């Protein structure tokens, strides 16, 4: 059995292992940048006013404690759920939003 290509994408970024994430709606980081991609599967994340069948509007973003900063890396909900244990990710959504 071959290794999941999405996991290979994640393992190529060791700085993501053990990272803390929060689930939230996507917000562009600047007027010049209107989207991001799931680091694992490359699904496009964009703000809710951008309507296309292949775009999602919510995912998991790194928090401020991440070495590269808040919202630097995004993971779609499906990939987060599938790889959270392997990648040792921590979901602090309720702590941040609660």
C-alpha atoms as a PDB file:
ATOM      1  CA  UNK A   1       0.000   0.000   0.000  1.00  0.00           C
ATOM      2  CA  UNK A   2       1.324   3.433  -0.919  1.00  0.00           C
ATOM      3  CA  UNK A   3       1.443   6.333   1.487  1.00  0.00           C
ATOM      4  CA  UNK A   4      -1.307   8.945   1.210  1.00  0.00           C
ATOM      5  CA  UNK A   5       0.033  11.824  -0.891  1.00  0.00           C
ATOM      6  CA  UNK A   6      -1.615  14.362   1.426  1.00  0.00           C
ATOM      7  CA  UNK A   7       0.301  12.969   4.390  1.00  0.00           C
ATOM      8  CA  UNK A   8       3.498  13.208   2.372  1.00  0.00           C
ATOM      9  CA  UNK A   9       2.729  16.918   1.823  1.00  0.00           C
ATOM     10  CA  UNK A  10       2.332  17.408   5.552  1.00  0.00           C
ATOM     11  CA  UNK A  11       5.399  15.408   6.539  1.00  0.00           C
ATOM     12  CA  UNK A  12       7.464  17.530   4.140  1.00  0.00           C
ATOM     13  CA  UNK A  13       6.651  20.441   6.458  1.00  0.00           C
ATOM     14  CA  UNK A  14       7.994  19.329   9.850  1.00  0.00           C
ATOM     15  CA  UNK A  15       7.182  22.724  11.360  1.00  0.00           C
ATOM     16  CA  UNK A  16       3.491  21.690  11.253  1.00  0.00           C
ATOM     17  CA  UNK A  17       3.960  18.689  13.564  1.00  0.00           C
ATOM     18  CA  UNK A  18       2.433  19.451  16.949  1.00  0.00           C
ATOM     19  CA  UNK A  19       0.958  22.775  15.790  1.00  0.00           C
ATOM     20  CA  UNK A  20      -2.079  24.355  17.393  1.00  0.00           C
ATOM     21  CA  UNK A  21      -5.056  25.216  15.177  1.00  0.00           C
ATOM     22  CA  UNK A  22      -8.413  26.898  15.459  1.00  0.00           C
ATOM     23  CA  UNK A  23     -11.399  26.278  13.185  1.00  0.00           C
ATOM     24  CA  UNK A  24     -12.700  29.457  11.601  1.00  0.00           C
ATOM     25  CA  UNK A  25     -14.048  31.159   8.520  1.00  0.00           C
ATOM     26  CA  UNK A  26     -11.404  32.116   6.017  1.00  0.00           C
ATOM     27  CA  UNK A  27     -10.408  35.787   5.915  1.00  0.00           C
ATOM     28  CA  UNK A  28      -7.948  37.144   3.366  1.00  0.00           C
ATOM     29  CA  UNK A  29      -4.679  38.260   4.904  1.00  0.00           C
ATOM     30  CA  UNK A  30      -4.448  41.317   2.628  1.00  0.00           C
ATOM     31  CA  UNK A  31      -6.348  43.000  -0.220  1.00  0.00           C
ATOM     32  CA  UNK A  32      -3.829  41.544  -2.669  1.00  0.00           C
ATOM     33  CA  UNK A  33      -4.264  37.962  -1.416  1.00  0.00           C
ATOM     34  CA  UNK A  34      -7.777  36.523  -1.757  1.00  0.00           C
ATOM     35  CA  UNK A  35      -7.259  32.834  -1.014  1.00  0.00           C
ATOM     36  CA  UNK A  36      -5.107  30.126   0.547  1.00  0.00           C
ATOM     37  CA  UNK A  37      -4.838  26.374   0.066  1.00  0.00           C
ATOM     38  CA  UNK A  38      -5.112  23.415   2.391  1.00  0.00           C
ATOM     39  CA  UNK A  39      -1.507  22.488   3.049  1.00  0.00           C
ATOM     40  CA  UNK A  40      -2.348  18.804   2.628  1.00  0.00           C
ATOM     41  CA  UNK A  41      -4.750  18.504  -0.333  1.00  0.00           C
ATOM     42  CA  UNK A  42      -4.537  21.972  -1.924  1.00  0.00           C
ATOM     43  CA  UNK A  43      -8.278  22.636  -1.714  1.00  0.00           C
ATOM     44  CA  UNK A  44      -8.823  26.382  -2.118  1.00  0.00           C
ATOM     45  CA  UNK A  45     -10.064  28.409   0.863  1.00  0.00           C
ATOM     46  CA  UNK A  46     -11.535  31.847   0.182  1.00  0.00           C
ATOM     47  CA  UNK A  47     -13.930  34.327   1.747  1.00  0.00           C
ATOM     48  CA  UNK A  48     -17.633  33.511   1.563  1.00  0.00           C
ATOM     49  CA  UNK A  49     -18.417  36.121  -1.102  1.00  0.00           C
ATOM     50  CA  UNK A  50     -16.282  34.158  -3.584  1.00  0.00           C
ATOM     51  CA  UNK A  51     -18.667  31.538  -4.933  1.00  0.00           C
ATOM     52  CA  UNK A  52     -17.313  28.538  -6.817  1.00  0.00           C
ATOM     53  CA  UNK A  53     -18.028  24.856  -6.388  1.00  0.00           C
ATOM     54  CA  UNK A  54     -14.366  24.026  -5.759  1.00  0.00           C
ATOM     55  CA  UNK A  55     -13.852  26.608  -2.974  1.00  0.00           C
ATOM     56  CA  UNK A  56     -14.449  26.134   0.738  1.00  0.00           C
ATOM     57  CA  UNK A  57     -14.908  28.971   3.207  1.00  0.00           C
ATOM     58  CA  UNK A  58     -13.911  27.426   6.522  1.00  0.00           C
ATOM     59  CA  UNK A  59     -10.974  25.412   7.792  1.00  0.00           C
ATOM     60  CA  UNK A  60      -8.343  25.149  10.484  1.00  0.00           C
ATOM     61  CA  UNK A  61      -5.726  27.902  10.730  1.00  0.00           C
ATOM     62  CA  UNK A  62      -2.543  28.023  12.744  1.00  0.00           C
ATOM     63  CA  UNK A  63      -2.709  30.186  15.863  1.00  0.00           C
ATOM     64  CA  UNK A  64      -0.510  33.095  16.957  1.00  0.00           C
ATOM     65  CA  UNK A  65       1.855  30.759  18.796  1.00  0.00           C
ATOM     66  CA  UNK A  66       2.813  29.082  15.502  1.00  0.00           C
ATOM     67  CA  UNK A  67       6.429  29.782  14.526  1.00  0.00           C
ATOM     68  CA  UNK A  68       5.275  31.422  11.282  1.00  0.00           C
ATOM     69  CA  UNK A  69       2.287  33.201  12.832  1.00  0.00           C
ATOM     70  CA  UNK A  70      -1.484  33.042  13.000  1.00  0.00           C
ATOM     71  CA  UNK A  71      -3.318  31.991   9.848  1.00  0.00           C
ATOM     72  CA  UNK A  72      -0.037  31.150   8.106  1.00  0.00           C
ATOM     73  CA  UNK A  73      -1.074  27.569   7.338  1.00  0.00           C
ATOM     74  CA  UNK A  74      -4.592  26.359   6.614  1.00  0.00           C
ATOM     75  CA  UNK A  75      -5.902  22.795   6.712  1.00  0.00           C
ATOM     76  CA  UNK A  76      -9.344  21.850   5.369  1.00  0.00           C
ATOM     77  CA  UNK A  77     -11.734  20.215   7.826  1.00  0.00           C
ATOM     78  CA  UNK A  78     -11.500  16.777   6.164  1.00  0.00           C
ATOM     79  CA  UNK A  79      -7.694  16.689   6.211  1.00  0.00           C
ATOM     80  CA  UNK A  80      -7.545  18.038   9.752  1.00  0.00           C
ATOM     81  CA  UNK A  81      -9.815  15.287  11.017  1.00  0.00           C
ATOM     82  CA  UNK A  82      -7.941  12.600   9.110  1.00  0.00           C
ATOM     83  CA  UNK A  83      -4.394  13.627  10.062  1.00  0.00           C
ATOM     84  CA  UNK A  84      -4.744  15.345  13.436  1.00  0.00           C
ATOM     85  CA  UNK A  85      -3.501  12.346  15.442  1.00  0.00           C
ATOM     86  CA  UNK A  86      -0.636  11.479  13.100  1.00  0.00           C
ATOM     87  CA  UNK A  87       0.520  15.106  12.985  1.00  0.00           C
ATOM     88  CA  UNK A  88      -0.128  15.628  16.725  1.00  0.00           C
ATOM     89  CA  UNK A  89      -2.251  18.707  16.073  1.00  0.00           C
ATOM     90  CA  UNK A  90      -4.171  20.423  18.837  1.00  0.00           C
ATOM     91  CA  UNK A  91      -7.561  22.042  18.218  1.00  0.00           C
ATOM     92  CA  UNK A  92      -8.095  25.056  20.482  1.00  0.00           C
ATOM     93  CA  UNK A  93     -11.221  26.340  18.750  1.00  0.00           C
ATOM     94  CA  UNK A  94     -13.394  26.352  21.866  1.00  0.00           C
ATOM     95  CA  UNK A  95     -10.638  28.007  23.875  1.00  0.00           C
ATOM     96  CA  UNK A  96     -10.234  30.794  21.314  1.00  0.00           C
ATOM     97  CA  UNK A  97     -13.883  31.390  20.452  1.00  0.00           C
ATOM     98  CA  UNK A  98     -15.459  30.501  23.784  1.00  0.00           C
END
